[in-house]
Amino acid sequence: MALVPFNDLMSRATKGDYAVGYFESWNLESLQAVGDAAESMGSPVILGFSGIYLPHPSRTAKETLSVYAALGLEICRSLSVPSCLLFNESPHLDWVSEAIDLGFGLVMYTDEKLSFEEQSQRVRGIVDQAHQQGVAVEGEITSLPGVGGELSAAPEENCLDDPEVAQSFVESTHVDAFAVNIGQAHLHGRSEVQLDLHRLRELREKISVPLVLHGATSISESDLKNAIRLGVRKINVGSVLKRSFFEAIRSACSRVGEGYNPYEVVGSGFEKDVLNCGRAALQRKVEDLMTIFGSAGRG
């Protein structure tokens, strides 16, 4: 199967009534863990990278998108299950444009500083460029609160998507998928949010393209399953993956004694390799989520 168009992934998910997970990666080990989980579970999968943090001006070491594209695409090509590579949720128009040229199968441009009209216009421009190269585009009207990690609880007031406005956005931009705002917030697992499933049902009735749910780390398993039942076909996961990876590495480091062999604890792939411990923990978490999303065995 290897790489397949994003729209094919969504078509299969719609027919099978399940959701495909986007499991955000940040380095080789995380990419390999997601790929290993997809193979182990026989699940379709979306790999990719953050369009916020990869180009972030505060990074102490600047990154080159082509390197990440090469890594991600090679992992996708090596899989026996359907896969797609995403450059996710970026306010950097030039990086999104480059991602299209580099072969990402799905891109997402969004900038919370723009007005609705400006956002729609820019997204439509991205769609025109992407579709010429067979690349799909995901869109949203408003970004979820808390992406910078500043929230410990859900905001008292959430700006839920208006179904009529959402329909207008999708029809005017021609995006291939729409990320809904139905009560989520980026709480990074500190607490849970409650989804407005009634609003999701209203959005599904108005919008013909596949619906996407961001911020899954802070959503209960029951709400995730209900959202899938009501038409969500792609679910984004990030924070819980990084937490699983970090906590496994921290635990592994705490067990390393003073007389350690550096070749053994970093990069050996042996039992004491701290990076390998992180990779294994991340794989287990992704496998659990694939079961919840209903995608296990659908590859």
C-alpha atoms as a PDB file:
ATOM      1  CA  MET A   1       0.000   0.000   0.000  1.00  0.00           C
ATOM      2  CA  ALA A   2       2.630   2.532   1.130  1.00  0.00           C
ATOM      3  CA  LEU A   3       1.741   6.123   0.186  1.00  0.00           C
ATOM      4  CA  VAL A   4      -1.845   6.742  -0.878  1.00  0.00           C
ATOM      5  CA  PRO A   5      -3.731   9.991  -1.538  1.00  0.00           C
ATOM      6  CA  PHE A   6      -5.303  11.506   1.563  1.00  0.00           C
ATOM      7  CA  ASN A   7      -8.749  11.451  -0.056  1.00  0.00           C
ATOM      8  CA  ASP A   8      -8.440   7.694  -0.532  1.00  0.00           C
ATOM      9  CA  LEU A   9      -7.706   7.275   3.174  1.00  0.00           C
ATOM     10  CA  MET A  10     -10.794   9.312   3.999  1.00  0.00           C
ATOM     11  CA  SER A  11     -13.002   7.463   1.519  1.00  0.00           C
ATOM     12  CA  ARG A  12     -12.059   4.129   3.084  1.00  0.00           C
ATOM     13  CA  ALA A  13     -12.592   5.496   6.590  1.00  0.00           C
ATOM     14  CA  THR A  14     -16.034   6.787   5.648  1.00  0.00           C
ATOM     15  CA  LYS A  15     -17.053   3.422   4.203  1.00  0.00           C
ATOM     16  CA  GLY A  16     -15.676   1.596   7.242  1.00  0.00           C
ATOM     17  CA  ASP A  17     -17.026   4.080   9.807  1.00  0.00           C
ATOM     18  CA  TYR A  18     -13.674   4.614  11.547  1.00  0.00           C
ATOM     19  CA  ALA A  19     -11.141   7.441  11.951  1.00  0.00           C
ATOM     20  CA  VAL A  20      -7.534   7.559  10.784  1.00  0.00           C
ATOM     21  CA  GLY A  21      -5.111   8.929  13.346  1.00  0.00           C
ATOM     22  CA  TYR A  22      -2.584  11.644  12.640  1.00  0.00           C
ATOM     23  CA  PHE A  23       0.195  10.917  15.142  1.00  0.00           C
ATOM     24  CA  GLU A  24       2.527  13.897  15.159  1.00  0.00           C
ATOM     25  CA  SER A  25       6.242  13.145  15.038  1.00  0.00           C
ATOM     26  CA  TRP A  26       9.336  15.273  15.678  1.00  0.00           C
ATOM     27  CA  ASN A  27      12.342  13.039  15.014  1.00  0.00           C
ATOM     28  CA  LEU A  28      13.379   9.688  13.553  1.00  0.00           C
ATOM     29  CA  GLU A  29      12.462   7.628  16.624  1.00  0.00           C
ATOM     30  CA  SER A  30       8.941   9.049  16.784  1.00  0.00           C
ATOM     31  CA  LEU A  31       8.379   8.456  13.064  1.00  0.00           C
ATOM     32  CA  GLN A  32       9.597   4.875  13.390  1.00  0.00           C
ATOM     33  CA  ALA A  33       7.375   4.273  16.420  1.00  0.00           C
ATOM     34  CA  VAL A  34       4.264   5.437  14.550  1.00  0.00           C
ATOM     35  CA  GLY A  35       5.203   3.337  11.530  1.00  0.00           C
ATOM     36  CA  ASP A  36       5.845   0.293  13.722  1.00  0.00           C
ATOM     37  CA  ALA A  37       2.450   0.744  15.385  1.00  0.00           C
ATOM     38  CA  ALA A  38       0.700   0.953  12.015  1.00  0.00           C
ATOM     39  CA  GLU A  39       2.344  -2.273  10.862  1.00  0.00           C
ATOM     40  CA  SER A  40       1.685  -4.037  14.156  1.00  0.00           C
ATOM     41  CA  MET A  41      -1.999  -3.065  14.183  1.00  0.00           C
ATOM     42  CA  GLY A  42      -2.591  -3.360  10.440  1.00  0.00           C
ATOM     43  CA  SER A  43      -3.881   0.212  10.500  1.00  0.00           C
ATOM     44  CA  PRO A  44      -3.935   3.044   7.980  1.00  0.00           C
ATOM     45  CA  VAL A  45      -2.013   5.999   9.350  1.00  0.00           C
ATOM     46  CA  ILE A  46      -1.110   9.652   8.839  1.00  0.00           C
ATOM     47  CA  LEU A  47       2.434  10.647   9.775  1.00  0.00           C
ATOM     48  CA  GLY A  48       3.748  14.186   9.863  1.00  0.00           C
ATOM     49  CA  PHE A  49       5.146  17.208  11.629  1.00  0.00           C
ATOM     50  CA  SER A  50       4.050  20.379  13.360  1.00  0.00           C
ATOM     51  CA  GLY A  51       3.850  23.393  11.096  1.00  0.00           C
ATOM     52  CA  ILE A  52       3.963  25.586  14.188  1.00  0.00           C
ATOM     53  CA  TYR A  53       7.068  24.299  15.955  1.00  0.00           C
ATOM     54  CA  LEU A  54       9.220  23.069  13.072  1.00  0.00           C
ATOM     55  CA  PRO A  55       9.553  26.596  11.573  1.00  0.00           C
ATOM     56  CA  HIS A  56       9.308  28.378  14.950  1.00  0.00           C
ATOM     57  CA  PRO A  57      11.679  31.383  15.168  1.00  0.00           C
ATOM     58  CA  SER A  58      12.553  30.515  18.782  1.00  0.00           C
ATOM     59  CA  ARG A  59      14.161  27.195  17.860  1.00  0.00           C
ATOM     60  CA  THR A  60      17.790  27.148  18.969  1.00  0.00           C
ATOM     61  CA  ALA A  61      18.727  25.077  15.917  1.00  0.00           C
ATOM     62  CA  LYS A  62      17.018  25.875  12.632  1.00  0.00           C
ATOM     63  CA  GLU A  63      15.444  23.015  10.721  1.00  0.00           C
ATOM     64  CA  THR A  64      15.261  22.159   7.030  1.00  0.00           C
ATOM     65  CA  LEU A  65      11.869  20.919   5.861  1.00  0.00           C
ATOM     66  CA  SER A  66      13.312  18.812   3.037  1.00  0.00           C
ATOM     67  CA  VAL A  67      15.127  16.598   5.559  1.00  0.00           C
ATOM     68  CA  TYR A  68      11.899  15.912   7.462  1.00  0.00           C
ATOM     69  CA  ALA A  69      10.026  15.318   4.214  1.00  0.00           C
ATOM     70  CA  ALA A  70      12.605  12.737   3.129  1.00  0.00           C
ATOM     71  CA  LEU A  71      12.386  10.915   6.469  1.00  0.00           C
ATOM     72  CA  GLY A  72       8.594  10.922   6.547  1.00  0.00           C
ATOM     73  CA  LEU A  73       8.130   9.874   2.950  1.00  0.00           C
ATOM     74  CA  GLU A  74      10.641   7.037   3.288  1.00  0.00           C
ATOM     75  CA  ILE A  75       8.841   5.671   6.362  1.00  0.00           C
ATOM     76  CA  CYS A  76       5.506   5.889   4.528  1.00  0.00           C
ATOM     77  CA  ARG A  77       6.899   4.083   1.485  1.00  0.00           C
ATOM     78  CA  SER A  78       8.243   1.289   3.669  1.00  0.00           C
ATOM     79  CA  LEU A  79       4.839   0.485   5.165  1.00  0.00           C
ATOM     80  CA  SER A  80       2.515  -2.249   3.935  1.00  0.00           C
ATOM     81  CA  VAL A  81      -0.554  -0.310   5.157  1.00  0.00           C
ATOM     82  CA  PRO A  82      -2.035   2.851   3.567  1.00  0.00           C
ATOM     83  CA  SER A  83      -0.283   6.009   4.739  1.00  0.00           C
ATOM     84  CA  CYS A  84      -0.037   9.726   4.082  1.00  0.00           C
ATOM     85  CA  LEU A  85       2.369  12.478   5.168  1.00  0.00           C
ATOM     86  CA  LEU A  86       1.054  15.742   6.653  1.00  0.00           C
ATOM     87  CA  PHE A  87       2.580  19.167   7.249  1.00  0.00           C
ATOM     88  CA  ASN A  88       0.180  20.242   9.951  1.00  0.00           C
ATOM     89  CA  GLU A  89      -1.455  23.489  11.023  1.00  0.00           C
ATOM     90  CA  SER A  90       1.090  26.110  10.000  1.00  0.00           C
ATOM     91  CA  PRO A  91       0.821  29.915   9.913  1.00  0.00           C
ATOM     92  CA  HIS A  92       3.893  30.040   7.646  1.00  0.00           C
ATOM     93  CA  LEU A  93       2.667  30.312   4.073  1.00  0.00           C
ATOM     94  CA  ASP A  94       6.126  29.757   2.580  1.00  0.00           C
ATOM     95  CA  TRP A  95       6.644  26.524   4.537  1.00  0.00           C
ATOM     96  CA  VAL A  96       3.230  25.206   3.490  1.00  0.00           C
ATOM     97  CA  SER A  97       4.020  25.994  -0.124  1.00  0.00           C
ATOM     98  CA  GLU A  98       7.377  24.222   0.181  1.00  0.00           C
ATOM     99  CA  ALA A  99       5.702  21.198   1.782  1.00  0.00           C
ATOM    100  CA  ILE A 100       3.494  20.881  -1.299  1.00  0.00           C
ATOM    101  CA  ASP A 101       6.549  20.927  -3.569  1.00  0.00           C
ATOM    102  CA  LEU A 102       8.375  18.366  -1.377  1.00  0.00           C
ATOM    103  CA  GLY A 103       5.660  15.733  -1.748  1.00  0.00           C
ATOM    104  CA  PHE A 104       3.637  15.928   1.468  1.00  0.00           C
ATOM    105  CA  GLY A 105       0.236  14.401   0.721  1.00  0.00           C
ATOM    106  CA  LEU A 106      -1.698  16.760   2.980  1.00  0.00           C
ATOM    107  CA  VAL A 107      -0.998  20.304   4.167  1.00  0.00           C
ATOM    108  CA  MET A 108      -2.789  22.707   6.470  1.00  0.00           C
ATOM    109  CA  TYR A 109      -2.457  26.482   6.555  1.00  0.00           C
ATOM    110  CA  THR A 110      -4.062  28.463   9.363  1.00  0.00           C
ATOM    111  CA  ASP A 111      -3.304  31.797  11.012  1.00  0.00           C
ATOM    112  CA  GLU A 112      -5.412  32.941  13.949  1.00  0.00           C
ATOM    113  CA  LYS A 113      -4.296  36.545  13.376  1.00  0.00           C
ATOM    114  CA  LEU A 114      -6.186  36.744  10.085  1.00  0.00           C
ATOM    115  CA  SER A 115      -9.806  37.708   9.562  1.00  0.00           C
ATOM    116  CA  PHE A 116     -12.226  35.142   8.212  1.00  0.00           C
ATOM    117  CA  GLU A 117     -12.032  36.704   4.745  1.00  0.00           C
ATOM    118  CA  GLU A 118      -8.219  36.818   4.732  1.00  0.00           C
ATOM    119  CA  GLN A 119      -7.952  33.249   5.984  1.00  0.00           C
ATOM    120  CA  SER A 120     -10.390  32.024   3.356  1.00  0.00           C
ATOM    121  CA  GLN A 121      -8.512  33.813   0.585  1.00  0.00           C
ATOM    122  CA  ARG A 122      -5.128  32.428   1.586  1.00  0.00           C
ATOM    123  CA  VAL A 123      -6.437  28.898   2.054  1.00  0.00           C
ATOM    124  CA  ARG A 124      -8.046  29.033  -1.393  1.00  0.00           C
ATOM    125  CA  GLY A 125      -4.661  30.017  -2.826  1.00  0.00           C
ATOM    126  CA  ILE A 126      -3.010  27.057  -1.101  1.00  0.00           C
ATOM    127  CA  VAL A 127      -5.744  24.763  -2.411  1.00  0.00           C
ATOM    128  CA  ASP A 128      -5.153  25.945  -5.974  1.00  0.00           C
ATOM    129  CA  GLN A 129      -1.424  25.235  -5.705  1.00  0.00           C
ATOM    130  CA  ALA A 130      -1.853  21.933  -3.874  1.00  0.00           C
ATOM    131  CA  HIS A 131      -4.505  20.453  -6.135  1.00  0.00           C
ATOM    132  CA  GLN A 132      -2.345  21.088  -9.189  1.00  0.00           C
ATOM    133  CA  GLN A 133       0.173  18.670  -7.645  1.00  0.00           C
ATOM    134  CA  GLY A 134      -2.303  16.135  -6.306  1.00  0.00           C
ATOM    135  CA  VAL A 135      -1.925  17.302  -2.705  1.00  0.00           C
ATOM    136  CA  ALA A 136      -4.909  17.606  -0.355  1.00  0.00           C
ATOM    137  CA  VAL A 137      -5.586  20.552   1.970  1.00  0.00           C
ATOM    138  CA  GLU A 138      -7.170  20.639   5.417  1.00  0.00           C
ATOM    139  CA  GLY A 139      -8.731  23.852   6.667  1.00  0.00           C
ATOM    140  CA  GLU A 140     -10.210  25.381   9.784  1.00  0.00           C
ATOM    141  CA  ILE A 141     -11.947  28.622  10.685  1.00  0.00           C
ATOM    142  CA  THR A 142     -10.436  29.181  14.135  1.00  0.00           C
ATOM    143  CA  SER A 143      -7.460  27.608  15.894  1.00  0.00           C
ATOM    144  CA  LEU A 144      -8.061  25.808  19.170  1.00  0.00           C
ATOM    145  CA  PRO A 145      -7.038  27.718  22.311  1.00  0.00           C
ATOM    146  CA  GLY A 146      -4.007  26.668  24.330  1.00  0.00           C
ATOM    147  CA  VAL A 147      -1.625  25.538  21.619  1.00  0.00           C
ATOM    148  CA  GLY A 148       1.214  27.290  23.460  1.00  0.00           C
ATOM    149  CA  GLY A 149       0.577  25.253  26.611  1.00  0.00           C
ATOM    150  CA  GLU A 150      -0.817  28.119  28.657  1.00  0.00           C
ATOM    151  CA  LEU A 151      -4.124  26.484  29.624  1.00  0.00           C
ATOM    152  CA  SER A 152      -4.697  24.163  32.580  1.00  0.00           C
ATOM    153  CA  ALA A 153      -8.483  24.015  32.135  1.00  0.00           C
ATOM    154  CA  ALA A 154     -10.913  24.563  29.289  1.00  0.00           C
ATOM    155  CA  PRO A 155     -11.907  28.198  28.659  1.00  0.00           C
ATOM    156  CA  GLU A 156     -15.257  29.210  30.124  1.00  0.00           C
ATOM    157  CA  GLU A 157     -16.363  30.339  26.677  1.00  0.00           C
ATOM    158  CA  ASN A 158     -15.475  28.423  23.550  1.00  0.00           C
ATOM    159  CA  CYS A 159     -16.066  29.771  20.052  1.00  0.00           C
ATOM    160  CA  LEU A 160     -17.779  26.783  18.474  1.00  0.00           C
ATOM    161  CA  ASP A 161     -17.962  26.600  14.700  1.00  0.00           C
ATOM    162  CA  ASP A 162     -21.110  28.043  13.203  1.00  0.00           C
ATOM    163  CA  PRO A 163     -22.444  25.444  10.728  1.00  0.00           C
ATOM    164  CA  GLU A 164     -23.490  28.052   8.142  1.00  0.00           C
ATOM    165  CA  VAL A 165     -20.127  29.849   8.300  1.00  0.00           C
ATOM    166  CA  ALA A 166     -18.268  26.540   8.157  1.00  0.00           C
ATOM    167  CA  GLN A 167     -20.231  25.497   5.091  1.00  0.00           C
ATOM    168  CA  SER A 168     -19.408  28.803   3.411  1.00  0.00           C
ATOM    169  CA  PHE A 169     -15.700  28.378   4.201  1.00  0.00           C
ATOM    170  CA  VAL A 170     -15.556  24.840   2.816  1.00  0.00           C
ATOM    171  CA  GLU A 171     -17.454  25.728  -0.347  1.00  0.00           C
ATOM    172  CA  SER A 172     -15.422  28.879  -1.052  1.00  0.00           C
ATOM    173  CA  THR A 173     -11.975  27.360  -0.376  1.00  0.00           C
ATOM    174  CA  HIS A 174     -12.559  23.845  -1.798  1.00  0.00           C
ATOM    175  CA  VAL A 175     -10.595  22.246   1.077  1.00  0.00           C
ATOM    176  CA  ASP A 176     -10.514  18.451   1.215  1.00  0.00           C
ATOM    177  CA  ALA A 177     -11.125  18.198   4.966  1.00  0.00           C
ATOM    178  CA  PHE A 178     -12.422  20.516   7.671  1.00  0.00           C
ATOM    179  CA  ALA A 179     -11.144  20.674  11.268  1.00  0.00           C
ATOM    180  CA  VAL A 180     -14.111  21.284  13.557  1.00  0.00           C
ATOM    181  CA  ASN A 181     -14.164  23.328  16.747  1.00  0.00           C
ATOM    182  CA  ILE A 182     -16.758  21.680  18.991  1.00  0.00           C
ATOM    183  CA  GLY A 183     -15.354  22.427  22.430  1.00  0.00           C
ATOM    184  CA  GLN A 184     -11.767  21.167  22.268  1.00  0.00           C
ATOM    185  CA  ALA A 185      -8.796  22.988  23.730  1.00  0.00           C
ATOM    186  CA  HIS A 186      -5.106  22.153  23.854  1.00  0.00           C
ATOM    187  CA  LEU A 187      -4.884  21.191  27.531  1.00  0.00           C
ATOM    188  CA  HIS A 188      -2.108  18.645  26.890  1.00  0.00           C
ATOM    189  CA  GLY A 189      -3.902  16.094  29.054  1.00  0.00           C
ATOM    190  CA  ARG A 190      -4.063  18.270  32.191  1.00  0.00           C
ATOM    191  CA  SER A 191      -7.845  17.937  32.193  1.00  0.00           C
ATOM    192  CA  GLU A 192     -10.613  16.754  29.882  1.00  0.00           C
ATOM    193  CA  VAL A 193     -12.931  18.773  27.691  1.00  0.00           C
ATOM    194  CA  GLN A 194     -16.489  17.874  26.838  1.00  0.00           C
ATOM    195  CA  LEU A 195     -17.375  17.869  23.164  1.00  0.00           C
ATOM    196  CA  ASP A 196     -20.549  19.485  21.877  1.00  0.00           C
ATOM    197  CA  LEU A 197     -21.773  16.469  19.931  1.00  0.00           C
ATOM    198  CA  HIS A 198     -24.981  18.240  18.945  1.00  0.00           C
ATOM    199  CA  ARG A 199     -22.916  20.906  17.187  1.00  0.00           C
ATOM    200  CA  LEU A 200     -20.874  18.173  15.504  1.00  0.00           C
ATOM    201  CA  ARG A 201     -24.077  16.644  14.159  1.00  0.00           C
ATOM    202  CA  GLU A 202     -25.124  20.044  12.780  1.00  0.00           C
ATOM    203  CA  LEU A 203     -21.747  20.515  11.110  1.00  0.00           C
ATOM    204  CA  ARG A 204     -21.901  17.054   9.552  1.00  0.00           C
ATOM    205  CA  GLU A 205     -25.265  17.909   8.000  1.00  0.00           C
ATOM    206  CA  LYS A 206     -23.830  21.061   6.378  1.00  0.00           C
ATOM    207  CA  ILE A 207     -20.364  19.929   5.320  1.00  0.00           C
ATOM    208  CA  SER A 208     -19.667  17.309   2.679  1.00  0.00           C
ATOM    209  CA  VAL A 209     -15.891  16.867   3.180  1.00  0.00           C
ATOM    210  CA  PRO A 210     -14.378  14.659   5.917  1.00  0.00           C
ATOM    211  CA  LEU A 211     -14.354  16.182   9.402  1.00  0.00           C
ATOM    212  CA  VAL A 212     -11.209  16.342  11.545  1.00  0.00           C
ATOM    213  CA  LEU A 213     -10.876  16.499  15.327  1.00  0.00           C
ATOM    214  CA  HIS A 214      -7.810  18.235  16.789  1.00  0.00           C
ATOM    215  CA  GLY A 215      -6.708  18.115  20.434  1.00  0.00           C
ATOM    216  CA  ALA A 216      -7.485  14.452  21.081  1.00  0.00           C
ATOM    217  CA  THR A 217      -5.180  14.182  24.105  1.00  0.00           C
ATOM    218  CA  SER A 218      -7.732  16.000  26.282  1.00  0.00           C
ATOM    219  CA  ILE A 219     -10.838  14.199  24.978  1.00  0.00           C
ATOM    220  CA  SER A 220     -12.340  11.174  26.729  1.00  0.00           C
ATOM    221  CA  GLU A 221     -12.452   7.818  24.979  1.00  0.00           C
ATOM    222  CA  SER A 222     -16.250   7.847  24.980  1.00  0.00           C
ATOM    223  CA  ASP A 223     -16.397  11.278  23.326  1.00  0.00           C
ATOM    224  CA  LEU A 224     -13.849  10.193  20.725  1.00  0.00           C
ATOM    225  CA  LYS A 225     -15.926   7.150  19.840  1.00  0.00           C
ATOM    226  CA  ASN A 226     -19.119   9.222  19.681  1.00  0.00           C
ATOM    227  CA  ALA A 227     -17.403  11.765  17.429  1.00  0.00           C
ATOM    228  CA  ILE A 228     -16.341   8.980  15.073  1.00  0.00           C
ATOM    229  CA  ARG A 229     -19.884   7.632  15.057  1.00  0.00           C
ATOM    230  CA  LEU A 230     -21.098  11.117  14.086  1.00  0.00           C
ATOM    231  CA  GLY A 231     -18.719  11.444  11.158  1.00  0.00           C
ATOM    232  CA  VAL A 232     -15.209  12.429  12.288  1.00  0.00           C
ATOM    233  CA  ARG A 233     -12.750  10.669   9.979  1.00  0.00           C
ATOM    234  CA  LYS A 234      -9.355  12.028  11.060  1.00  0.00           C
ATOM    235  CA  ILE A 235      -8.140  12.597  14.624  1.00  0.00           C
ATOM    236  CA  ASN A 236      -4.994  14.541  15.546  1.00  0.00           C
ATOM    237  CA  VAL A 237      -2.870  13.417  18.477  1.00  0.00           C
ATOM    238  CA  GLY A 238       0.235  15.152  19.791  1.00  0.00           C
ATOM    239  CA  SER A 239       0.741  15.895  23.483  1.00  0.00           C
ATOM    240  CA  VAL A 240       0.105  12.407  24.852  1.00  0.00           C
ATOM    241  CA  LEU A 241       2.653  11.012  22.397  1.00  0.00           C
ATOM    242  CA  LYS A 242       5.384  13.374  23.543  1.00  0.00           C
ATOM    243  CA  ARG A 243       4.506  12.687  27.164  1.00  0.00           C
ATOM    244  CA  SER A 244       4.749   8.929  26.663  1.00  0.00           C
ATOM    245  CA  PHE A 245       8.085   9.313  24.876  1.00  0.00           C
ATOM    246  CA  PHE A 246       9.562  11.705  27.454  1.00  0.00           C
ATOM    247  CA  GLU A 247       8.420   9.827  30.545  1.00  0.00           C
ATOM    248  CA  ALA A 248       9.842   6.555  29.205  1.00  0.00           C
ATOM    249  CA  ILE A 249      13.187   8.217  28.502  1.00  0.00           C
ATOM    250  CA  ARG A 250      13.231   9.917  31.902  1.00  0.00           C
ATOM    251  CA  SER A 251      12.554   6.597  33.613  1.00  0.00           C
ATOM    252  CA  ALA A 252      15.242   4.863  31.555  1.00  0.00           C
ATOM    253  CA  CYS A 253      17.800   7.573  32.367  1.00  0.00           C
ATOM    254  CA  SER A 254      17.112   7.223  36.071  1.00  0.00           C
ATOM    255  CA  ARG A 255      18.194   3.581  35.876  1.00  0.00           C
ATOM    256  CA  VAL A 256      21.565   4.323  34.254  1.00  0.00           C
ATOM    257  CA  GLY A 257      24.439   3.928  36.714  1.00  0.00           C
ATOM    258  CA  GLU A 258      27.670   5.921  36.936  1.00  0.00           C
ATOM    259  CA  GLY A 259      29.751   3.398  35.000  1.00  0.00           C
ATOM    260  CA  TYR A 260      27.530   3.349  31.930  1.00  0.00           C
ATOM    261  CA  ASN A 261      28.670   2.583  28.408  1.00  0.00           C
ATOM    262  CA  PRO A 262      27.607   5.548  26.200  1.00  0.00           C
ATOM    263  CA  TYR A 263      27.375   3.334  23.119  1.00  0.00           C
ATOM    264  CA  GLU A 264      24.917   1.096  24.943  1.00  0.00           C
ATOM    265  CA  VAL A 265      22.581   3.747  26.412  1.00  0.00           C
ATOM    266  CA  VAL A 266      22.326   5.979  23.329  1.00  0.00           C
ATOM    267  CA  GLY A 267      21.818   4.572  19.864  1.00  0.00           C
ATOM    268  CA  SER A 268      22.568   0.891  20.381  1.00  0.00           C
ATOM    269  CA  GLY A 269      18.967  -0.260  20.055  1.00  0.00           C
ATOM    270  CA  PHE A 270      19.595  -2.558  23.020  1.00  0.00           C
ATOM    271  CA  GLU A 271      17.385  -2.896  26.087  1.00  0.00           C
ATOM    272  CA  LYS A 272      19.265  -0.115  27.925  1.00  0.00           C
ATOM    273  CA  ASP A 273      19.084   2.369  25.024  1.00  0.00           C
ATOM    274  CA  VAL A 274      17.065   5.279  26.423  1.00  0.00           C
ATOM    275  CA  LEU A 275      15.894   6.382  22.954  1.00  0.00           C
ATOM    276  CA  ASN A 276      14.713   2.867  22.227  1.00  0.00           C
ATOM    277  CA  CYS A 277      12.703   2.933  25.471  1.00  0.00           C
ATOM    278  CA  GLY A 278      10.977   6.113  24.323  1.00  0.00           C
ATOM    279  CA  ARG A 279      10.263   4.632  20.919  1.00  0.00           C
ATOM    280  CA  ALA A 280       8.725   1.480  22.401  1.00  0.00           C
ATOM    281  CA  ALA A 281       6.498   3.452  24.794  1.00  0.00           C
ATOM    282  CA  LEU A 282       5.313   5.698  21.984  1.00  0.00           C
ATOM    283  CA  GLN A 283       4.491   2.709  19.797  1.00  0.00           C
ATOM    284  CA  ARG A 284       2.339   1.196  22.546  1.00  0.00           C
ATOM    285  CA  LYS A 285       0.409   4.450  22.975  1.00  0.00           C
ATOM    286  CA  VAL A 286      -0.256   4.752  19.230  1.00  0.00           C
ATOM    287  CA  GLU A 287      -1.432   1.129  19.104  1.00  0.00           C
ATOM    288  CA  ASP A 288      -3.930   1.819  21.904  1.00  0.00           C
ATOM    289  CA  LEU A 289      -5.258   4.867  20.058  1.00  0.00           C
ATOM    290  CA  MET A 290      -5.624   2.972  16.778  1.00  0.00           C
ATOM    291  CA  THR A 291      -7.860   0.515  18.605  1.00  0.00           C
ATOM    292  CA  ILE A 292      -9.998   3.361  19.984  1.00  0.00           C
ATOM    293  CA  PHE A 293     -10.244   5.015  16.563  1.00  0.00           C
ATOM    294  CA  GLY A 294     -11.426   1.752  15.004  1.00  0.00           C
ATOM    295  CA  SER A 295      -8.665   1.771  12.376  1.00  0.00           C
ATOM    296  CA  ALA A 296      -6.839  -1.334  13.645  1.00  0.00           C
ATOM    297  CA  GLY A 297      -7.077  -4.132  11.113  1.00  0.00           C
ATOM    298  CA  ARG A 298      -8.357  -1.811   8.360  1.00  0.00           C
ATOM    299  CA  GLY A 299      -5.068  -1.554   6.484  1.00  0.00           C
END
